[in-house]
Amino acid sequence: MTAGANIESADPRAREGRTGLLAKVAEFAAPLALVMLWVAFFIATPNFLTLDNIGDLLVASTILTVLALGQQFAITVGGIDLSVGANLPWSAALLGYMTSHGHSVTVGMVVAILGGLAVGVINGLLVGRLHMTDFVVTLGMLSVLSGCTLLLTHGNTVAVNSRFLQRLALDGIGPVRWFWLLALVAALIVAGIIFHTRIGTHLLATGGRLEAARDTGISVDRIRLFAYAMAGLLCGVAGVMLVARNGGADPSVQTTYLLSSIAAVVLGGSSLSGGKASVLGTVCGAVLFTSLINGFTILGISQYYQPVAVGAVLLLAAGISRFRK
């Protein structure tokens, strides 16, 4: 009896210890997974960890990084933005449309970013002010935007010939690419807003305990509007970067970017239920997903396996989030 009682009394402590260890590991899931993935690809092929490949990989990851930083705002307040999969090509299409109709690239970039922001504001108004379910709102917006993008481009890729955009995608200061600096500036701004401003405190409070935040006088409707507006704004910036990298605007829905942006945020240390954010983790998560696709390409693995891998990591990220405190 005594021995049995001791075992039973020890079990809760043992379980608590295991849970605590898993929680600590989960906090650094994205950096640890990134290091392990790079080591695995280096062992599989020496062509992976070359300066040229890592440089190109990091440039490719910047678009997903900016997109995931926008998704960070929505998830921080306990929501989700499914419309980014269509907002990204929508913003890119606006840039292509403006330049193909005689407007300057500068005007096209401004319109593209404002177009992404407008989508975020609409999402925020529907979710924050009308209290509609974020999943339904952003899923419906994804469908609406995909149709609008096809109408705007007639279903064709719109070429954008701009030396400025080409230099933005390919050049930089010495070995440092412009795209890296854009992603770094975006990450620093997002980190500053979330962790060093009153708005950031309200974002975390709204995602942590919605009713408690409302009871303390926080205007949760405005905070949610702000979160989705920022998600749309950064989606517009990512759309401009996508055009610069591809040399044109592709009207197809970017499902891979959508799934990867969510998984990068969750794997990076944020909670799907809101109230917790990690900008550094989100950046690492975005680089991890880009590395995964890059490694598959170098190894000659069929592109059909790429969405399988992205989905598997998304499920893994959701499972890891259970152990975070």
Foldseek 3Di string as FASTA:
>chain_A
DVVVVVVVVVVVVVVVVVLVVLQVCLLCLLVVLLVVLQVVLCVVDVVCPDLVNVLVLLLVLLLLLLLLLLQQLQQQLLAGALQLLLLLLLLLLQLLLQVVVPHDSVVSLVSSLVSLLVLLLVLLCCCQVVVDHSVVSNVVNNVVSLVVSCVSVVQDKRFADDPVLLCQSPHDDVSDHNSNVVSVVSLVVSCCCLPPDPLNVLSLVSLVDVVVSVVVPRSSSVSSSVSSSSSSSSSSVSSSNVCSNVRTRRSDGRNLSSLQSQLQFLSLRAASSHNDGDSVSSSSSSSSLSSVQSSCVVVVNDPVCSVVVSVVSSVVSNVSNVSHD
